[in-house]
Amino acid sequence: MSRKLSCVEDPAILELAEDLKVLSDPNRLRIVCLLLRGERCVCEVERELKISQQLASHHLSVLREAGILKARREGTSSYYRVVEEKLDALTGVFLRYLGHHGVSPGHGTKSA
C-alpha cells in the first residue's frame, strides 16, 4: 500500500494555487512589493507604479478580495497595507511543498 504525499491531501495547496493566480500579474506583485514598505493610498500606488487610477484600484481590489491586502478609509481616500500573516502563510505553504528543502533526496529536479 502506497502512502499519499501530504501535499495531495492538504487543502492549503488549493488556497496556494488561488493566491498564486492572484499574484501572477506583474502589477499586483509590484503593488505588494511597494506596500511591504508601508501603507499607501491609491494615488501613491498609481504614481509609484505609473499606472492609471482605474488600473491601480482594480488590482488593489483583487488583492484585497484575496485577503492579501487590507484597506481603510480616511475621508475620501482609501489606504492599503499588506496582511503580513496571509503572506507569511502563503510563503510557508509554498516553501513546505515547493521549496528545495521540501523535496526528498533523489527526487529534486535541479541538475548540477
PDB file of N, CA and C in Angstrom:
ATOM      1  N   MET A   1       0.854  -1.185   0.000  1.00  0.00           N
ATOM      2  CA  MET A   1       0.000   0.000   0.000  1.00  0.00           C
ATOM      3  C   MET A   1       0.896   1.244   0.000  1.00  0.00           C
ATOM      4  N   SER A   2       0.664   2.163  -0.931  1.00  0.00           N
ATOM      5  CA  SER A   2       1.477   3.370  -1.007  1.00  0.00           C
ATOM      6  C   SER A   2       0.920   4.451  -0.085  1.00  0.00           C
ATOM      7  N   ARG A   3       1.835   5.238   0.434  1.00  0.00           N
ATOM      8  CA  ARG A   3       1.468   6.337   1.319  1.00  0.00           C
ATOM      9  C   ARG A   3       1.293   7.605   0.486  1.00  0.00           C
ATOM     10  N   LYS A   4       0.166   8.315   0.673  1.00  0.00           N
ATOM     11  CA  LYS A   4      -0.078   9.547  -0.083  1.00  0.00           C
ATOM     12  C   LYS A   4       0.807  10.669   0.444  1.00  0.00           C
ATOM     13  N   LEU A   5       1.260  11.498  -0.471  1.00  0.00           N
ATOM     14  CA  LEU A   5       2.012  12.684  -0.082  1.00  0.00           C
ATOM     15  C   LEU A   5       1.076  13.656   0.622  1.00  0.00           C
ATOM     16  N   SER A   6       1.579  14.353   1.624  1.00  0.00           N
ATOM     17  CA  SER A   6       0.723  15.294   2.348  1.00  0.00           C
ATOM     18  C   SER A   6       0.214  16.414   1.441  1.00  0.00           C
ATOM     19  N   CYS A   7       0.992  16.773   0.410  1.00  0.00           N
ATOM     20  CA  CYS A   7       0.553  17.851  -0.481  1.00  0.00           C
ATOM     21  C   CYS A   7      -0.651  17.434  -1.320  1.00  0.00           C
ATOM     22  N   VAL A   8      -0.869  16.148  -1.479  1.00  0.00           N
ATOM     23  CA  VAL A   8      -2.003  15.654  -2.256  1.00  0.00           C
ATOM     24  C   VAL A   8      -3.306  15.881  -1.500  1.00  0.00           C
ATOM     25  N   GLU A   9      -3.239  15.797  -0.173  1.00  0.00           N
ATOM     26  CA  GLU A   9      -4.446  15.911   0.647  1.00  0.00           C
ATOM     27  C   GLU A   9      -4.613  17.258   1.337  1.00  0.00           C
ATOM     28  N   ASP A  10      -3.587  18.068   1.358  1.00  0.00           N
ATOM     29  CA  ASP A  10      -3.621  19.327   2.106  1.00  0.00           C
ATOM     30  C   ASP A  10      -4.447  20.375   1.362  1.00  0.00           C
ATOM     31  N   PRO A  11      -5.561  20.843   1.961  1.00  0.00           N
ATOM     32  CA  PRO A  11      -6.370  21.878   1.296  1.00  0.00           C
ATOM     33  C   PRO A  11      -5.628  23.200   1.143  1.00  0.00           C
ATOM     34  N   ALA A  12      -4.535  23.381   1.873  1.00  0.00           N
ATOM     35  CA  ALA A  12      -3.751  24.613   1.736  1.00  0.00           C
ATOM     36  C   ALA A  12      -3.158  24.737   0.334  1.00  0.00           C
ATOM     37  N   ILE A  13      -2.987  23.609  -0.348  1.00  0.00           N
ATOM     38  CA  ILE A  13      -2.475  23.635  -1.732  1.00  0.00           C
ATOM     39  C   ILE A  13      -3.464  24.360  -2.641  1.00  0.00           C
ATOM     40  N   LEU A  14      -4.760  24.126  -2.431  1.00  0.00           N
ATOM     41  CA  LEU A  14      -5.774  24.806  -3.257  1.00  0.00           C
ATOM     42  C   LEU A  14      -5.746  26.308  -3.009  1.00  0.00           C
ATOM     43  N   GLU A  15      -5.625  26.700  -1.754  1.00  0.00           N
ATOM     44  CA  GLU A  15      -5.551  28.127  -1.422  1.00  0.00           C
ATOM     45  C   GLU A  15      -4.284  28.745  -2.008  1.00  0.00           C
ATOM     46  N   LEU A  16      -3.172  28.013  -1.927  1.00  0.00           N
ATOM     47  CA  LEU A  16      -1.922  28.497  -2.508  1.00  0.00           C
ATOM     48  C   LEU A  16      -2.082  28.713  -4.011  1.00  0.00           C
ATOM     49  N   ALA A  17      -2.724  27.770  -4.695  1.00  0.00           N
ATOM     50  CA  ALA A  17      -2.933  27.899  -6.139  1.00  0.00           C
ATOM     51  C   ALA A  17      -3.753  29.144  -6.464  1.00  0.00           C
ATOM     52  N   GLU A  18      -4.801  29.396  -5.700  1.00  0.00           N
ATOM     53  CA  GLU A  18      -5.625  30.591  -5.930  1.00  0.00           C
ATOM     54  C   GLU A  18      -4.819  31.871  -5.673  1.00  0.00           C
ATOM     55  N   ASP A  19      -4.040  31.873  -4.598  1.00  0.00           N
ATOM     56  CA  ASP A  19      -3.227  33.047  -4.284  1.00  0.00           C
ATOM     57  C   ASP A  19      -2.161  33.286  -5.353  1.00  0.00           C
ATOM     58  N   LEU A  20      -1.566  32.212  -5.859  1.00  0.00           N
ATOM     59  CA  LEU A  20      -0.573  32.370  -6.918  1.00  0.00           C
ATOM     60  C   LEU A  20      -1.195  32.923  -8.190  1.00  0.00           C
ATOM     61  N   LYS A  21      -2.450  32.546  -8.475  1.00  0.00           N
ATOM     62  CA  LYS A  21      -3.160  33.126  -9.627  1.00  0.00           C
ATOM     63  C   LYS A  21      -3.300  34.634  -9.446  1.00  0.00           C
ATOM     64  N   VAL A  22      -3.691  35.037  -8.241  1.00  0.00           N
ATOM     65  CA  VAL A  22      -3.861  36.466  -7.954  1.00  0.00           C
ATOM     66  C   VAL A  22      -2.529  37.193  -8.116  1.00  0.00           C
ATOM     67  N   LEU A  23      -1.460  36.595  -7.629  1.00  0.00           N
ATOM     68  CA  LEU A  23      -0.147  37.238  -7.656  1.00  0.00           C
ATOM     69  C   LEU A  23       0.576  37.088  -8.990  1.00  0.00           C
ATOM     70  N   SER A  24      -0.020  36.372  -9.939  1.00  0.00           N
ATOM     71  CA  SER A  24       0.659  36.139 -11.215  1.00  0.00           C
ATOM     72  C   SER A  24       0.712  37.378 -12.106  1.00  0.00           C
ATOM     73  N   ASP A  25      -0.021  38.403 -11.770  1.00  0.00           N
ATOM     74  CA  ASP A  25       0.009  39.645 -12.546  1.00  0.00           C
ATOM     75  C   ASP A  25       1.189  40.505 -12.064  1.00  0.00           C
ATOM     76  N   PRO A  26       2.062  40.947 -12.961  1.00  0.00           N
ATOM     77  CA  PRO A  26       3.221  41.750 -12.550  1.00  0.00           C
ATOM     78  C   PRO A  26       2.860  43.013 -11.772  1.00  0.00           C
ATOM     79  N   ASN A  27       1.769  43.689 -12.151  1.00  0.00           N
ATOM     80  CA  ASN A  27       1.374  44.891 -11.416  1.00  0.00           C
ATOM     81  C   ASN A  27       0.988  44.557  -9.975  1.00  0.00           C
ATOM     82  N   ARG A  28       0.348  43.414  -9.764  1.00  0.00           N
ATOM     83  CA  ARG A  28      -0.031  43.022  -8.398  1.00  0.00           C
ATOM     84  C   ARG A  28       1.206  42.697  -7.574  1.00  0.00           C
ATOM     85  N   LEU A  29       2.174  42.044  -8.182  1.00  0.00           N
ATOM     86  CA  LEU A  29       3.427  41.776  -7.469  1.00  0.00           C
ATOM     87  C   LEU A  29       4.124  43.085  -7.114  1.00  0.00           C
ATOM     88  N   ARG A  30       4.121  44.022  -8.030  1.00  0.00           N
ATOM     89  CA  ARG A  30       4.745  45.328  -7.774  1.00  0.00           C
ATOM     90  C   ARG A  30       4.009  46.067  -6.654  1.00  0.00           C
ATOM     91  N   ILE A  31       2.696  45.956  -6.625  1.00  0.00           N
ATOM     92  CA  ILE A  31       1.903  46.597  -5.569  1.00  0.00           C
ATOM     93  C   ILE A  31       2.251  45.990  -4.212  1.00  0.00           C
ATOM     94  N   VAL A  32       2.301  44.662  -4.141  1.00  0.00           N
ATOM     95  CA  VAL A  32       2.640  44.006  -2.874  1.00  0.00           C
ATOM     96  C   VAL A  32       4.039  44.430  -2.432  1.00  0.00           C
ATOM     97  N   CYS A  33       4.975  44.442  -3.359  1.00  0.00           N
ATOM     98  CA  CYS A  33       6.339  44.874  -3.052  1.00  0.00           C
ATOM     99  C   CYS A  33       6.351  46.299  -2.496  1.00  0.00           C
ATOM    100  N   LEU A  34       5.625  47.189  -3.129  1.00  0.00           N
ATOM    101  CA  LEU A  34       5.540  48.581  -2.671  1.00  0.00           C
ATOM    102  C   LEU A  34       4.914  48.670  -1.286  1.00  0.00           C
ATOM    103  N   LEU A  35       3.819  47.947  -1.081  1.00  0.00           N
ATOM    104  CA  LEU A  35       3.101  48.038   0.188  1.00  0.00           C
ATOM    105  C   LEU A  35       3.818  47.327   1.327  1.00  0.00           C
ATOM    106  N   LEU A  36       4.749  46.455   1.032  1.00  0.00           N
ATOM    107  CA  LEU A  36       5.556  45.850   2.098  1.00  0.00           C
ATOM    108  C   LEU A  36       6.431  46.896   2.775  1.00  0.00           C
ATOM    109  N   ARG A  37       6.613  48.023   2.119  1.00  0.00           N
ATOM    110  CA  ARG A  37       7.390  49.126   2.690  1.00  0.00           C
ATOM    111  C   ARG A  37       6.515  50.083   3.501  1.00  0.00           C
ATOM    112  N   GLY A  38       5.205  49.828   3.509  1.00  0.00           N
ATOM    113  CA  GLY A  38       4.305  50.652   4.302  1.00  0.00           C
ATOM    114  C   GLY A  38       3.006  50.952   3.585  1.00  0.00           C
ATOM    115  N   GLU A  39       2.032  51.375   4.356  1.00  0.00           N
ATOM    116  CA  GLU A  39       0.698  51.693   3.856  1.00  0.00           C
ATOM    117  C   GLU A  39       0.765  52.816   2.827  1.00  0.00           C
ATOM    118  N   ARG A  40      -0.082  52.710   1.800  1.00  0.00           N
ATOM    119  CA  ARG A  40      -0.152  53.735   0.751  1.00  0.00           C
ATOM    120  C   ARG A  40      -1.604  53.943   0.338  1.00  0.00           C
ATOM    121  N   CYS A  41      -1.913  55.159  -0.128  1.00  0.00           N
ATOM    122  CA  CYS A  41      -3.231  55.421  -0.709  1.00  0.00           C
ATOM    123  C   CYS A  41      -3.168  55.054  -2.192  1.00  0.00           C
ATOM    124  N   VAL A  42      -4.334  54.960  -2.810  1.00  0.00           N
ATOM    125  CA  VAL A  42      -4.419  54.595  -4.225  1.00  0.00           C
ATOM    126  C   VAL A  42      -3.586  55.552  -5.079  1.00  0.00           C
ATOM    127  N   CYS A  43      -3.646  56.843  -4.767  1.00  0.00           N
ATOM    128  CA  CYS A  43      -2.913  57.826  -5.579  1.00  0.00           C
ATOM    129  C   CYS A  43      -1.406  57.595  -5.514  1.00  0.00           C
ATOM    130  N   GLU A  44      -0.900  57.160  -4.375  1.00  0.00           N
ATOM    131  CA  GLU A  44       0.531  56.867  -4.269  1.00  0.00           C
ATOM    132  C   GLU A  44       0.899  55.614  -5.066  1.00  0.00           C
ATOM    133  N   VAL A  45       0.025  54.608  -5.042  1.00  0.00           N
ATOM    134  CA  VAL A  45       0.269  53.384  -5.800  1.00  0.00           C
ATOM    135  C   VAL A  45       0.318  53.699  -7.292  1.00  0.00           C
ATOM    136  N   GLU A  46      -0.659  54.462  -7.776  1.00  0.00           N
ATOM    137  CA  GLU A  46      -0.678  54.785  -9.209  1.00  0.00           C
ATOM    138  C   GLU A  46       0.539  55.614  -9.599  1.00  0.00           C
ATOM    139  N   ARG A  47       0.931  56.545  -8.746  1.00  0.00           N
ATOM    140  CA  ARG A  47       2.091  57.394  -9.046  1.00  0.00           C
ATOM    141  C   ARG A  47       3.391  56.567  -9.054  1.00  0.00           C
ATOM    142  N   GLU A  48       3.580  55.732  -8.041  1.00  0.00           N
ATOM    143  CA  GLU A  48       4.806  54.935  -7.934  1.00  0.00           C
ATOM    144  C   GLU A  48       4.926  53.911  -9.063  1.00  0.00           C
ATOM    145  N   LEU A  49       3.807  53.292  -9.435  1.00  0.00           N
ATOM    146  CA  LEU A  49       3.833  52.251 -10.463  1.00  0.00           C
ATOM    147  C   LEU A  49       3.610  52.800 -11.871  1.00  0.00           C
ATOM    148  N   LYS A  50       3.262  54.087 -11.959  1.00  0.00           N
ATOM    149  CA  LYS A  50       2.995  54.729 -13.250  1.00  0.00           C
ATOM    150  C   LYS A  50       1.879  54.002 -14.014  1.00  0.00           C
ATOM    151  N   ILE A  51       0.769  53.758 -13.286  1.00  0.00           N
ATOM    152  CA  ILE A  51      -0.417  53.152 -13.884  1.00  0.00           C
ATOM    153  C   ILE A  51      -1.602  54.053 -13.597  1.00  0.00           C
ATOM    154  N   SER A  52      -2.687  53.855 -14.315  1.00  0.00           N
ATOM    155  CA  SER A  52      -3.873  54.692 -14.136  1.00  0.00           C
ATOM    156  C   SER A  52      -4.542  54.405 -12.783  1.00  0.00           C
ATOM    157  N   GLN A  53      -5.358  55.359 -12.348  1.00  0.00           N
ATOM    158  CA  GLN A  53      -6.097  55.197 -11.098  1.00  0.00           C
ATOM    159  C   GLN A  53      -7.041  54.010 -11.189  1.00  0.00           C
ATOM    160  N   GLN A  54      -7.681  53.837 -12.338  1.00  0.00           N
ATOM    161  CA  GLN A  54      -8.617  52.723 -12.523  1.00  0.00           C
ATOM    162  C   GLN A  54      -7.899  51.377 -12.424  1.00  0.00           C
ATOM    163  N   LEU A  55      -6.720  51.283 -13.047  1.00  0.00           N
ATOM    164  CA  LEU A  55      -5.963  50.041 -13.016  1.00  0.00           C
ATOM    165  C   LEU A  55      -5.439  49.758 -11.602  1.00  0.00           C
ATOM    166  N   ALA A  56      -4.944  50.795 -10.935  1.00  0.00           N
ATOM    167  CA  ALA A  56      -4.467  50.632  -9.557  1.00  0.00           C
ATOM    168  C   ALA A  56      -5.609  50.160  -8.663  1.00  0.00           C
ATOM    169  N   SER A  57      -6.768  50.793  -8.781  1.00  0.00           N
ATOM    170  CA  SER A  57      -7.928  50.418  -7.971  1.00  0.00           C
ATOM    171  C   SER A  57      -8.360  48.985  -8.237  1.00  0.00           C
ATOM    172  N   HIS A  58      -8.351  48.587  -9.508  1.00  0.00           N
ATOM    173  CA  HIS A  58      -8.732  47.219  -9.864  1.00  0.00           C
ATOM    174  C   HIS A  58      -7.797  46.211  -9.190  1.00  0.00           C
ATOM    175  N   HIS A  59      -6.497  46.404  -9.341  1.00  0.00           N
ATOM    176  CA  HIS A  59      -5.535  45.461  -8.771  1.00  0.00           C
ATOM    177  C   HIS A  59      -5.593  45.458  -7.243  1.00  0.00           C
ATOM    178  N   LEU A  60      -5.749  46.623  -6.645  1.00  0.00           N
ATOM    179  CA  LEU A  60      -5.866  46.696  -5.182  1.00  0.00           C
ATOM    180  C   LEU A  60      -7.100  45.941  -4.704  1.00  0.00           C
ATOM    181  N   SER A  61      -8.188  46.063  -5.439  1.00  0.00           N
ATOM    182  CA  SER A  61      -9.427  45.365  -5.096  1.00  0.00           C
ATOM    183  C   SER A  61      -9.255  43.847  -5.172  1.00  0.00           C
ATOM    184  N   VAL A  62      -8.605  43.365  -6.230  1.00  0.00           N
ATOM    185  CA  VAL A  62      -8.370  41.926  -6.386  1.00  0.00           C
ATOM    186  C   VAL A  62      -7.512  41.412  -5.226  1.00  0.00           C
ATOM    187  N   LEU A  63      -6.466  42.132  -4.888  1.00  0.00           N
ATOM    188  CA  LEU A  63      -5.585  41.733  -3.790  1.00  0.00           C
ATOM    189  C   LEU A  63      -6.315  41.778  -2.445  1.00  0.00           C
ATOM    190  N   ARG A  64      -7.195  42.754  -2.267  1.00  0.00           N
ATOM    191  CA  ARG A  64      -7.971  42.852  -1.029  1.00  0.00           C
ATOM    192  C   ARG A  64      -8.953  41.694  -0.925  1.00  0.00           C
ATOM    193  N   GLU A  65      -9.644  41.386  -2.011  1.00  0.00           N
ATOM    194  CA  GLU A  65     -10.605  40.275  -2.006  1.00  0.00           C
ATOM    195  C   GLU A  65      -9.929  38.935  -1.726  1.00  0.00           C
ATOM    196  N   ALA A  66      -8.665  38.800  -2.115  1.00  0.00           N
ATOM    197  CA  ALA A  66      -7.906  37.570  -1.859  1.00  0.00           C
ATOM    198  C   ALA A  66      -7.365  37.520  -0.433  1.00  0.00           C
ATOM    199  N   GLY A  67      -7.541  38.607   0.315  1.00  0.00           N
ATOM    200  CA  GLY A  67      -7.068  38.639   1.691  1.00  0.00           C
ATOM    201  C   GLY A  67      -5.608  39.001   1.837  1.00  0.00           C
ATOM    202  N   ILE A  68      -4.980  39.416   0.742  1.00  0.00           N
ATOM    203  CA  ILE A  68      -3.561  39.766   0.764  1.00  0.00           C
ATOM    204  C   ILE A  68      -3.358  41.198   1.245  1.00  0.00           C
ATOM    205  N   LEU A  69      -4.356  42.050   1.007  1.00  0.00           N
ATOM    206  CA  LEU A  69      -4.315  43.440   1.457  1.00  0.00           C
ATOM    207  C   LEU A  69      -5.504  43.754   2.345  1.00  0.00           C
ATOM    208  N   LYS A  70      -5.328  44.742   3.204  1.00  0.00           N
ATOM    209  CA  LYS A  70      -6.418  45.329   3.995  1.00  0.00           C
ATOM    210  C   LYS A  70      -6.535  46.780   3.573  1.00  0.00           C
ATOM    211  N   ALA A  71      -7.744  47.299   3.620  1.00  0.00           N
ATOM    212  CA  ALA A  71      -7.975  48.698   3.260  1.00  0.00           C
ATOM    213  C   ALA A  71      -8.627  49.413   4.431  1.00  0.00           C
ATOM    214  N   ARG A  72      -8.339  50.705   4.520  1.00  0.00           N
ATOM    215  CA  ARG A  72      -9.036  51.555   5.488  1.00  0.00           C
ATOM    216  C   ARG A  72      -9.349  52.869   4.799  1.00  0.00           C
ATOM    217  N   ARG A  73     -10.476  53.449   5.194  1.00  0.00           N
ATOM    218  CA  ARG A  73     -10.909  54.732   4.623  1.00  0.00           C
ATOM    219  C   ARG A  73     -10.494  55.855   5.562  1.00  0.00           C
ATOM    220  N   GLU A  74     -10.056  56.937   4.954  1.00  0.00           N
ATOM    221  CA  GLU A  74      -9.777  58.166   5.687  1.00  0.00           C
ATOM    222  C   GLU A  74     -10.291  59.299   4.817  1.00  0.00           C
ATOM    223  N   GLY A  75     -11.436  59.842   5.203  1.00  0.00           N
ATOM    224  CA  GLY A  75     -12.081  60.844   4.363  1.00  0.00           C
ATOM    225  C   GLY A  75     -12.512  60.218   3.053  1.00  0.00           C
ATOM    226  N   THR A  76     -12.045  60.784   1.954  1.00  0.00           N
ATOM    227  CA  THR A  76     -12.401  60.239   0.640  1.00  0.00           C
ATOM    228  C   THR A  76     -11.330  59.304   0.084  1.00  0.00           C
ATOM    229  N   SER A  77     -10.268  59.097   0.844  1.00  0.00           N
ATOM    230  CA  SER A  77      -9.162  58.260   0.371  1.00  0.00           C
ATOM    231  C   SER A  77      -9.187  56.875   1.005  1.00  0.00           C
ATOM    232  N   SER A  78      -8.716  55.895   0.246  1.00  0.00           N
ATOM    233  CA  SER A  78      -8.527  54.539   0.757  1.00  0.00           C
ATOM    234  C   SER A  78      -7.039  54.275   0.872  1.00  0.00           C
ATOM    235  N   TYR A  79      -6.651  53.686   1.993  1.00  0.00           N
ATOM    236  CA  TYR A  79      -5.267  53.338   2.247  1.00  0.00           C
ATOM    237  C   TYR A  79      -5.151  51.821   2.347  1.00  0.00           C
ATOM    238  N   TYR A  80      -4.101  51.272   1.743  1.00  0.00           N
ATOM    239  CA  TYR A  80      -3.925  49.823   1.687  1.00  0.00           C
ATOM    240  C   TYR A  80      -2.628  49.423   2.367  1.00  0.00           C
ATOM    241  N   ARG A  81      -2.666  48.225   2.965  1.00  0.00           N
ATOM    242  CA  ARG A  81      -1.467  47.644   3.563  1.00  0.00           C
ATOM    243  C   ARG A  81      -1.511  46.137   3.355  1.00  0.00           C
ATOM    244  N   VAL A  82      -0.351  45.518   3.418  1.00  0.00           N
ATOM    245  CA  VAL A  82      -0.235  44.064   3.251  1.00  0.00           C
ATOM    246  C   VAL A  82      -0.672  43.387   4.546  1.00  0.00           C
ATOM    247  N   VAL A  83      -1.419  42.293   4.413  1.00  0.00           N
ATOM    248  CA  VAL A  83      -1.754  41.437   5.553  1.00  0.00           C
ATOM    249  C   VAL A  83      -0.588  40.459   5.678  1.00  0.00           C
ATOM    250  N   GLU A  84       0.351  40.799   6.539  1.00  0.00           N
ATOM    251  CA  GLU A  84       1.594  40.023   6.627  1.00  0.00           C
ATOM    252  C   GLU A  84       1.349  38.578   7.028  1.00  0.00           C
ATOM    253  N   GLU A  85       0.340  38.323   7.859  1.00  0.00           N
ATOM    254  CA  GLU A  85       0.035  36.956   8.276  1.00  0.00           C
ATOM    255  C   GLU A  85      -0.372  36.104   7.072  1.00  0.00           C
ATOM    256  N   LYS A  86      -1.139  36.693   6.174  1.00  0.00           N
ATOM    257  CA  LYS A  86      -1.572  35.989   4.960  1.00  0.00           C
ATOM    258  C   LYS A  86      -0.370  35.685   4.073  1.00  0.00           C
ATOM    259  N   LEU A  87       0.492  36.683   3.895  1.00  0.00           N
ATOM    260  CA  LEU A  87       1.677  36.496   3.059  1.00  0.00           C
ATOM    261  C   LEU A  87       2.620  35.467   3.682  1.00  0.00           C
ATOM    262  N   ASP A  88       2.767  35.498   5.000  1.00  0.00           N
ATOM    263  CA  ASP A  88       3.605  34.514   5.689  1.00  0.00           C
ATOM    264  C   ASP A  88       3.043  33.105   5.525  1.00  0.00           C
ATOM    265  N   ALA A  89       1.724  32.956   5.637  1.00  0.00           N
ATOM    266  CA  ALA A  89       1.093  31.638   5.484  1.00  0.00           C
ATOM    267  C   ALA A  89       1.276  31.129   4.060  1.00  0.00           C
ATOM    268  N   LEU A  90       1.055  31.997   3.086  1.00  0.00           N
ATOM    269  CA  LEU A  90       1.237  31.636   1.674  1.00  0.00           C
ATOM    270  C   LEU A  90       2.675  31.195   1.424  1.00  0.00           C
ATOM    271  N   THR A  91       3.628  31.956   1.928  1.00  0.00           N
ATOM    272  CA  THR A  91       5.048  31.629   1.764  1.00  0.00           C
ATOM    273  C   THR A  91       5.381  30.306   2.445  1.00  0.00           C
ATOM    274  N   GLY A  92       4.810  30.082   3.621  1.00  0.00           N
ATOM    275  CA  GLY A  92       5.069  28.844   4.347  1.00  0.00           C
ATOM    276  C   GLY A  92       4.602  27.617   3.585  1.00  0.00           C
ATOM    277  N   VAL A  93       3.396  27.669   3.026  1.00  0.00           N
ATOM    278  CA  VAL A  93       2.879  26.534   2.246  1.00  0.00           C
ATOM    279  C   VAL A  93       3.722  26.339   0.994  1.00  0.00           C
ATOM    280  N   PHE A  94       4.064  27.433   0.333  1.00  0.00           N
ATOM    281  CA  PHE A  94       4.889  27.341  -0.875  1.00  0.00           C
ATOM    282  C   PHE A  94       6.211  26.652  -0.556  1.00  0.00           C
ATOM    283  N   LEU A  95       6.889  27.110   0.484  1.00  0.00           N
ATOM    284  CA  LEU A  95       8.189  26.530   0.830  1.00  0.00           C
ATOM    285  C   LEU A  95       8.075  25.097   1.329  1.00  0.00           C
ATOM    286  N   ARG A  96       6.988  24.794   2.052  1.00  0.00           N
ATOM    287  CA  ARG A  96       6.805  23.441   2.578  1.00  0.00           C
ATOM    288  C   ARG A  96       6.746  22.418   1.450  1.00  0.00           C
ATOM    289  N   TYR A  97       6.025  22.747   0.396  1.00  0.00           N
ATOM    290  CA  TYR A  97       5.821  21.779  -0.677  1.00  0.00           C
ATOM    291  C   TYR A  97       6.675  22.009  -1.909  1.00  0.00           C
ATOM    292  N   LEU A  98       7.078  23.228  -2.159  1.00  0.00           N
ATOM    293  CA  LEU A  98       7.786  23.530  -3.399  1.00  0.00           C
ATOM    294  C   LEU A  98       9.200  24.059  -3.195  1.00  0.00           C
ATOM    295  N   GLY A  99       9.556  24.350  -1.959  1.00  0.00           N
ATOM    296  CA  GLY A  99      10.906  24.819  -1.674  1.00  0.00           C
ATOM    297  C   GLY A  99      11.901  23.683  -1.787  1.00  0.00           C
ATOM    298  N   HIS A 100      13.140  23.998  -1.977  1.00  0.00           N
ATOM    299  CA  HIS A 100      14.147  22.954  -2.172  1.00  0.00           C
ATOM    300  C   HIS A 100      14.315  22.072  -0.938  1.00  0.00           C
ATOM    301  N   HIS A 101      13.952  22.539   0.234  1.00  0.00           N
ATOM    302  CA  HIS A 101      14.040  21.724   1.445  1.00  0.00           C
ATOM    303  C   HIS A 101      12.866  20.755   1.550  1.00  0.00           C
ATOM    304  N   GLY A 102      11.788  21.000   0.794  1.00  0.00           N
ATOM    305  CA  GLY A 102      10.628  20.135   0.842  1.00  0.00           C
ATOM    306  C   GLY A 102      10.727  18.940  -0.096  1.00  0.00           C
ATOM    307  N   VAL A 103      11.793  18.878  -0.893  1.00  0.00           N
ATOM    308  CA  VAL A 103      11.969  17.787  -1.848  1.00  0.00           C
ATOM    309  C   VAL A 103      12.813  16.696  -1.198  1.00  0.00           C
ATOM    310  N   SER A 104      12.356  15.466  -1.286  1.00  0.00           N
ATOM    311  CA  SER A 104      13.100  14.335  -0.739  1.00  0.00           C
ATOM    312  C   SER A 104      14.387  14.136  -1.523  1.00  0.00           C
ATOM    313  N   PRO A 105      15.447  13.680  -0.848  1.00  0.00           N
ATOM    314  CA  PRO A 105      16.706  13.424  -1.566  1.00  0.00           C
ATOM    315  C   PRO A 105      16.466  12.467  -2.734  1.00  0.00           C
ATOM    316  N   GLY A 106      17.081  12.771  -3.870  1.00  0.00           N
ATOM    317  CA  GLY A 106      16.932  11.930  -5.049  1.00  0.00           C
ATOM    318  C   GLY A 106      15.697  12.232  -5.866  1.00  0.00           C
ATOM    319  N   HIS A 107      14.819  13.146  -5.371  1.00  0.00           N
ATOM    320  CA  HIS A 107      13.588  13.454  -6.094  1.00  0.00           C
ATOM    321  C   HIS A 107      13.550  14.903  -6.592  1.00  0.00           C
ATOM    322  N   GLY A 108      14.646  15.629  -6.434  1.00  0.00           N
ATOM    323  CA  GLY A 108      14.701  17.017  -6.873  1.00  0.00           C
ATOM    324  C   GLY A 108      14.807  17.100  -8.385  1.00  0.00           C
ATOM    325  N   THR A 109      14.561  18.287  -8.903  1.00  0.00           N
ATOM    326  CA  THR A 109      14.620  18.489 -10.344  1.00  0.00           C
ATOM    327  C   THR A 109      15.835  19.293 -10.761  1.00  0.00           C
ATOM    328  N   LYS A 110      16.634  19.717  -9.775  1.00  0.00           N
ATOM    329  CA  LYS A 110      17.809  20.517 -10.104  1.00  0.00           C
ATOM    330  C   LYS A 110      18.891  19.633 -10.693  1.00  0.00           C
ATOM    331  N   SER A 111      19.568  20.138 -11.692  1.00  0.00           N
ATOM    332  CA  SER A 111      20.693  19.399 -12.269  1.00  0.00           C
ATOM    333  C   SER A 111      21.980  20.167 -11.967  1.00  0.00           C
ATOM    334  N   ALA A 112      23.055  19.419 -11.849  1.00  0.00           N
ATOM    335  CA  ALA A 112      24.328  20.033 -11.476  1.00  0.00           C
ATOM    336  C   ALA A 112      24.966  20.762 -12.633  1.00  0.00           C
TER     337      ALA A 112
END
